[in-house]
Amino acid sequence: MTSVARAIREALLTGDKSAKVFAARKVARDWRLGRLSFEFDCTMPDRPQWPDTLELRLPRDMPRRGKGGSEKGRIALWHSLAHIEFVAIDLALDMAGRFGESMGEGFVSDFLAVAADEAMHFAILERKLDSLGSTYGALPAHDGLWSAAQDTAHDVAARLAIVPMVLEARGLDVTPATLERVAKQGDENGAKILQRILDDEIRHVAFGSKHFRAVCVERGENPPESWRKLVKTHFSGGLKPPFNDSARSAAGLSRDFYAGIA
């Protein structure tokens, strides 16, 4: 029986975008069906493989996207969202593969389910780009999300604090306004896509919050205090309102975590 670690590593090292989607969903399905053993007999790569055609830039070097009113702006918006979801596949896979041995089978199950969701989101967004006459990789993208993963590869608490509880939680804040803008432009299909992603991301942030609290309990730490310390150490962007307090609360991220450092 193949180990879950080897299956995850293989998916991480799959660079083709369509093959990545298939590989992530297969790992999640095989794990759910008991086809993979709970063994960690290999290490995770420092970086996953991504499409050769994808031009990566530093966040500060990315062109400003605008509000998405023009055709060019709409393509830029959906390409940016597709990139976020594509990287999120690997963030979830790496979470399960890098920290699963110490965190347990439930942790692996949660984050492989997240990886499958992110793969589905990317596939939907790729179809959206196709409908606009574009494709993923047609525009440059930034490498900030994976940089956050590299900075927190040493500690599961730091990774949980930054990836689901800061970066994904930020999606809960900004997606409603984007959804409203897309709907006002008459793009009902786009609005439905964003609503589906928002609903799923609440659950993803909830997984992060749940496991972060569990780590804090095991370490004898106060979860909000520990989270604030980790954010100050590992996240330089600053937390900026407005916050979607209702969605954050539904995801287990109450205001006592973030209100004091925004």
Protein backbone atom coordinates (compact mmCIF):
# COMPACT_ATOMS: atom_id res chain seq x y z
CA MET A 1 0.00 0.00 0.00
CA THR A 2 1.33 3.44 -0.94
CA SER A 3 1.94 5.83 1.94
CA VAL A 4 -0.07 9.01 2.16
CA ALA A 5 3.20 10.98 2.29
CA ARG A 6 4.41 9.56 -1.04
CA ALA A 7 1.05 10.21 -2.68
CA ILE A 8 1.09 13.81 -1.44
CA ARG A 9 4.69 14.34 -2.58
CA GLU A 10 3.83 13.05 -6.04
CA ALA A 11 0.91 15.48 -6.29
CA LEU A 12 3.09 18.39 -5.12
CA LEU A 13 5.65 17.56 -7.80
CA THR A 14 3.01 17.48 -10.55
CA GLY A 15 3.46 20.68 -12.55
CA ASP A 16 0.83 20.49 -15.27
CA LYS A 17 -2.25 22.39 -14.13
CA SER A 18 -4.83 19.81 -15.18
CA ALA A 19 -2.74 16.94 -13.87
CA LYS A 20 -2.33 18.80 -10.55
CA VAL A 21 -6.10 19.02 -10.16
CA PHE A 22 -6.49 15.32 -10.91
CA ALA A 23 -3.63 14.33 -8.59
CA ALA A 24 -4.92 16.35 -5.64
CA ARG A 25 -8.42 14.97 -5.95
CA LYS A 26 -7.06 11.42 -6.33
CA VAL A 27 -4.96 11.70 -3.16
CA ALA A 28 -7.98 12.95 -1.21
CA ARG A 29 -10.22 10.21 -2.61
CA ASP A 30 -7.69 7.43 -2.06
CA TRP A 31 -7.12 8.56 1.52
CA ARG A 32 -10.84 8.74 2.19
CA LEU A 33 -11.31 5.22 0.81
CA GLY A 34 -8.49 3.74 2.88
CA ARG A 35 -6.16 3.10 -0.06
CA LEU A 36 -3.21 4.99 1.48
CA SER A 37 -1.35 4.06 4.63
CA PHE A 38 -0.76 6.53 7.45
CA GLU A 39 3.00 6.52 6.93
CA PHE A 40 5.47 9.35 6.42
CA ASP A 41 8.41 7.70 4.70
CA CYS A 42 9.52 10.68 2.58
CA THR A 43 9.97 14.42 2.95
CA MET A 44 7.99 17.16 1.29
CA PRO A 45 9.71 19.24 -1.42
CA ASP A 46 10.77 22.81 -0.62
CA ARG A 47 8.71 23.97 -3.58
CA PRO A 48 5.95 22.30 -5.57
CA GLN A 49 6.05 22.07 -9.35
CA TRP A 50 3.97 24.63 -11.25
CA PRO A 51 3.35 25.14 -14.98
CA ASP A 52 6.47 26.10 -16.92
CA THR A 53 4.54 28.88 -18.65
CA LEU A 54 3.69 30.64 -15.36
CA GLU A 55 5.71 33.84 -14.91
CA LEU A 56 6.28 34.51 -11.20
CA ARG A 57 7.01 37.98 -9.88
CA LEU A 58 7.43 39.56 -6.48
CA PRO A 59 4.15 40.99 -5.15
CA ARG A 60 5.52 44.54 -5.44
CA ASP A 61 6.27 43.99 -9.14
CA MET A 62 2.75 42.96 -10.08
CA PRO A 63 0.75 45.40 -12.25
CA ARG A 64 -2.27 47.03 -10.63
CA ARG A 65 -5.42 45.15 -11.54
CA GLY A 66 -8.13 47.81 -11.28
CA LYS A 67 -11.81 47.09 -10.62
CA GLY A 68 -12.38 44.57 -13.40
CA GLY A 69 -14.72 46.75 -15.45
CA SER A 70 -12.99 46.25 -18.80
CA GLU A 71 -12.47 42.92 -20.55
CA LYS A 72 -8.76 43.13 -19.72
CA GLY A 73 -9.60 43.89 -16.10
CA ARG A 74 -12.03 40.97 -15.86
CA ILE A 75 -9.43 38.57 -17.20
CA ALA A 76 -6.88 39.91 -14.71
CA LEU A 77 -9.35 39.43 -11.84
CA TRP A 78 -10.19 35.83 -12.70
CA HIS A 79 -6.56 35.00 -13.42
CA SER A 80 -5.57 36.33 -9.99
CA LEU A 81 -8.28 34.26 -8.32
CA ALA A 82 -7.26 31.18 -10.29
CA HIS A 83 -3.65 31.60 -9.15
CA ILE A 84 -4.72 31.88 -5.51
CA GLU A 85 -6.71 28.66 -5.77
CA PHE A 86 -3.96 26.85 -7.69
CA VAL A 87 -1.38 27.66 -5.01
CA ALA A 88 -3.94 26.78 -2.34
CA ILE A 89 -4.00 23.21 -3.67
CA ASP A 90 -0.32 22.86 -2.82
CA LEU A 91 -0.64 24.73 0.48
CA ALA A 92 -3.22 22.20 1.66
CA LEU A 93 -1.25 19.22 0.33
CA ASP A 94 1.92 20.45 2.00
CA MET A 95 0.07 21.04 5.28
CA ALA A 96 -1.10 17.42 5.34
CA GLY A 97 2.22 15.97 4.19
CA ARG A 98 4.56 18.11 6.27
CA PHE A 99 2.71 18.05 9.59
CA GLY A 100 0.35 15.09 9.33
CA GLU A 101 2.56 12.58 11.13
CA SER A 102 2.64 14.62 14.34
CA MET A 103 -0.91 15.96 14.06
CA GLY A 104 -2.74 12.70 13.30
CA GLU A 105 -5.16 11.18 10.82
CA GLY A 106 -7.95 13.69 11.40
CA PHE A 107 -5.60 16.52 10.47
CA VAL A 108 -4.62 14.72 7.26
CA SER A 109 -8.27 14.11 6.41
CA ASP A 110 -9.18 17.76 6.92
CA PHE A 111 -6.41 19.22 4.77
CA LEU A 112 -6.67 16.65 1.99
CA ALA A 113 -10.35 17.57 1.82
CA VAL A 114 -9.26 21.21 1.55
CA ALA A 115 -6.85 20.29 -1.26
CA ALA A 116 -9.69 18.60 -3.17
CA ASP A 117 -11.90 21.69 -2.70
CA GLU A 118 -9.14 24.00 -3.93
CA ALA A 119 -8.60 21.78 -6.96
CA MET A 120 -12.30 22.00 -7.76
CA HIS A 121 -12.22 25.80 -7.31
CA PHE A 122 -9.27 26.09 -9.67
CA ALA A 123 -10.95 23.93 -12.31
CA ILE A 124 -14.05 26.15 -12.19
CA LEU A 125 -11.94 29.31 -12.44
CA GLU A 126 -9.94 27.86 -15.32
CA ARG A 127 -13.20 27.28 -17.19
CA LYS A 128 -14.18 30.87 -16.41
CA LEU A 129 -10.92 32.10 -17.93
CA ASP A 130 -11.51 29.90 -20.97
CA SER A 131 -14.92 31.53 -21.44
CA LEU A 132 -13.17 34.92 -21.52
CA GLY A 133 -10.70 33.76 -24.16
CA SER A 134 -7.79 33.41 -21.75
CA THR A 135 -6.10 30.69 -19.70
CA TYR A 136 -4.15 30.25 -16.50
CA GLY A 137 -0.54 31.25 -17.12
CA ALA A 138 -1.42 33.92 -19.67
CA LEU A 139 -0.62 36.65 -17.11
CA PRO A 140 2.15 36.95 -14.50
CA ALA A 141 1.43 35.94 -10.91
CA HIS A 142 3.10 36.63 -7.58
CA ASP A 143 4.87 34.19 -5.31
CA GLY A 144 3.81 35.62 -1.96
CA LEU A 145 1.57 32.73 -0.93
CA TRP A 146 4.25 30.09 -1.23
CA SER A 147 6.76 32.37 0.46
CA ALA A 148 4.47 32.31 3.49
CA ALA A 149 4.54 28.50 3.41
CA GLN A 150 8.34 28.46 3.28
CA ASP A 151 8.60 30.90 6.19
CA THR A 152 6.43 28.65 8.38
CA ALA A 153 7.69 25.22 7.32
CA HIS A 154 9.34 24.69 10.71
CA ASP A 155 6.24 24.89 12.91
CA VAL A 156 2.68 23.69 12.46
CA ALA A 157 1.31 26.43 14.75
CA ALA A 158 2.99 29.12 12.64
CA ARG A 159 1.71 27.56 9.41
CA LEU A 160 -1.85 27.32 10.75
CA ALA A 161 -1.70 30.86 12.10
CA ILE A 162 -0.57 32.39 8.81
CA VAL A 163 -2.08 30.32 5.99
CA PRO A 164 -5.66 29.48 7.01
CA MET A 165 -6.05 32.07 9.79
CA VAL A 166 -4.55 35.09 8.01
CA LEU A 167 -4.33 34.51 4.26
CA GLU A 168 -7.50 32.45 3.79
CA ALA A 169 -9.34 34.53 6.37
CA ARG A 170 -8.51 37.59 4.28
CA GLY A 171 -10.44 35.94 1.47
CA LEU A 172 -13.50 35.92 3.73
CA ASP A 173 -13.12 39.70 4.07
CA VAL A 174 -12.62 40.69 0.43
CA THR A 175 -14.71 38.14 -1.48
CA PRO A 176 -18.17 39.62 -0.63
CA ALA A 177 -17.24 43.00 -2.15
CA THR A 178 -15.81 41.32 -5.25
CA LEU A 179 -18.93 39.17 -5.52
CA GLU A 180 -21.16 42.25 -5.31
CA ARG A 181 -19.13 44.06 -7.96
CA VAL A 182 -19.21 41.06 -10.30
CA ALA A 183 -22.97 40.71 -9.83
CA LYS A 184 -23.52 44.40 -10.62
CA GLN A 185 -21.63 43.88 -13.88
CA GLY A 186 -24.26 41.28 -14.81
CA ASP A 187 -21.99 38.27 -14.39
CA GLU A 188 -24.33 35.86 -12.61
CA ASN A 189 -22.08 32.87 -13.30
CA GLY A 190 -19.11 34.69 -11.77
CA ALA A 191 -21.14 35.63 -8.71
CA LYS A 192 -22.16 31.99 -8.20
CA ILE A 193 -18.53 30.88 -8.45
CA LEU A 194 -17.46 33.39 -5.82
CA GLN A 195 -20.30 32.41 -3.49
CA ARG A 196 -19.29 28.75 -3.74
CA ILE A 197 -15.67 29.60 -2.98
CA LEU A 198 -16.66 31.82 -0.03
CA ASP A 199 -18.83 29.09 1.50
CA ASP A 200 -16.02 26.54 1.20
CA GLU A 201 -13.35 28.90 2.54
CA ILE A 202 -15.29 29.39 5.76
CA ARG A 203 -14.90 25.66 6.36
CA HIS A 204 -11.21 25.79 5.45
CA VAL A 205 -10.50 28.58 7.93
CA ALA A 206 -12.48 26.59 10.50
CA PHE A 207 -10.15 23.60 10.02
CA GLY A 208 -7.18 25.88 10.62
CA SER A 209 -8.73 27.45 13.71
CA LYS A 210 -9.66 24.06 15.15
CA HIS A 211 -6.22 22.55 14.78
CA PHE A 212 -4.48 25.73 15.92
CA ARG A 213 -6.46 25.68 19.15
CA ALA A 214 -5.60 22.01 19.63
CA VAL A 215 -1.88 22.75 19.25
CA CYS A 216 -2.14 25.60 21.75
CA VAL A 217 -3.92 23.39 24.27
CA GLU A 218 -1.22 20.74 23.89
CA ARG A 219 1.48 23.38 24.40
CA GLY A 220 -0.30 25.05 27.31
CA GLU A 221 -0.68 28.33 25.42
CA ASN A 222 -3.53 30.83 25.13
CA PRO A 223 -4.75 30.58 21.49
CA PRO A 224 -5.42 34.31 20.78
CA GLU A 225 -2.17 35.38 22.45
CA SER A 226 -0.14 32.72 20.66
CA TRP A 227 -1.75 33.62 17.33
CA ARG A 228 -0.96 37.32 17.72
CA LYS A 229 2.69 36.55 18.53
CA LEU A 230 3.01 34.29 15.48
CA VAL A 231 1.38 36.85 13.20
CA LYS A 232 3.75 39.58 14.40
CA THR A 233 6.70 37.25 13.79
CA HIS A 234 5.76 35.72 10.45
CA PHE A 235 3.39 38.14 8.70
CA SER A 236 4.68 41.51 7.59
CA GLY A 237 1.66 42.69 5.63
CA GLY A 238 -0.42 43.87 8.57
CA LEU A 239 -4.07 43.01 9.17
CA LYS A 240 -6.30 45.63 7.60
CA PRO A 241 -10.03 46.15 8.09
CA PRO A 242 -12.79 45.89 7.12
CA PHE A 243 -13.26 42.39 8.48
CA ASN A 244 -16.10 39.99 7.69
CA ASP A 245 -16.76 39.36 11.37
CA SER A 246 -19.70 37.03 10.79
CA ALA A 247 -17.80 34.75 8.40
CA ARG A 248 -14.72 34.82 10.61
CA SER A 249 -16.81 33.93 13.65
CA ALA A 250 -18.44 31.06 11.75
CA ALA A 251 -14.90 29.82 11.03
CA GLY A 252 -13.93 29.93 14.72
CA LEU A 253 -11.88 33.10 14.36
CA SER A 254 -13.44 35.43 16.91
CA ARG A 255 -12.57 39.12 17.28
CA ASP A 256 -10.43 38.47 20.35
CA PHE A 257 -7.83 37.03 17.95
CA TYR A 258 -7.42 39.90 15.52
CA ALA A 259 -9.08 43.10 16.77
CA GLY A 260 -6.10 44.16 18.90
CA ILE A 261 -3.48 43.97 16.13
CA ALA A 262 -5.43 45.23 13.11
